[in-house]
Amino acid sequence: MMPIVIIGQVKTAQTQVNVTIAQAQSITITQSAVDIQLTQMAHYISGNSSAIQTNHINVGSTTNYQVSVKAESDFLSFNGSSSTIPVNTIALQTTMGSDLTGSNTPASATTIITPSVTLGSTDTIVIKNAVAEGARGYNVTYAIPATKTSFYLNKPIGTYTATVIYTLASQ
């Protein structure tokens, strides 16, 4: 008896996979309000600062990036109106925060952080990074140095505010 040979037909199909690459960037501020107390004589003598705002600035970028900061106005507001206290009495102290991707990737050696910046109404670059990152945090402390506390003397009691704007841009 002869063996039976069955020959099957092989069919194929194909598809094309397209990968579209676009620049993607995000910036968020984790604490929407930050307080600096000038409530004791020691604060007026030595200055005072907020607590460190851990991972205050969160950045994600598919390209090299820089972050700048500015105030919305040259003067602090009081009760909805401009005061005579200049916004440049406030300084920002920025340090490297955490890798927020969960992979604990160390910060790039090419990251440049300006450690202390005086707030003003024009953009000042505080962070430059020559590499793309999925999610990186930066810590910020807001401070009124002792040399600037005299601007707060003889002012009505209350809360003075400044709107701080951070801008993320490609380098």
Foldseek 3Di string as FASTA:
>chain_A
DDDDDDDDDDDDDDDDDDDDDDKDKDKDFDDQDWDWDPDDVVCLQFWTKTPKRALRIKMATQFWKWKWKAWQDQAWDDPRHGDPQGQQLKKKAKDWHAQPPPPRDDADPQKDADGIDGHHHDIDIGITGHHGGGITGMMMMMIRGSVRSVSVPPDDDDDIHIHMDMDMDHD
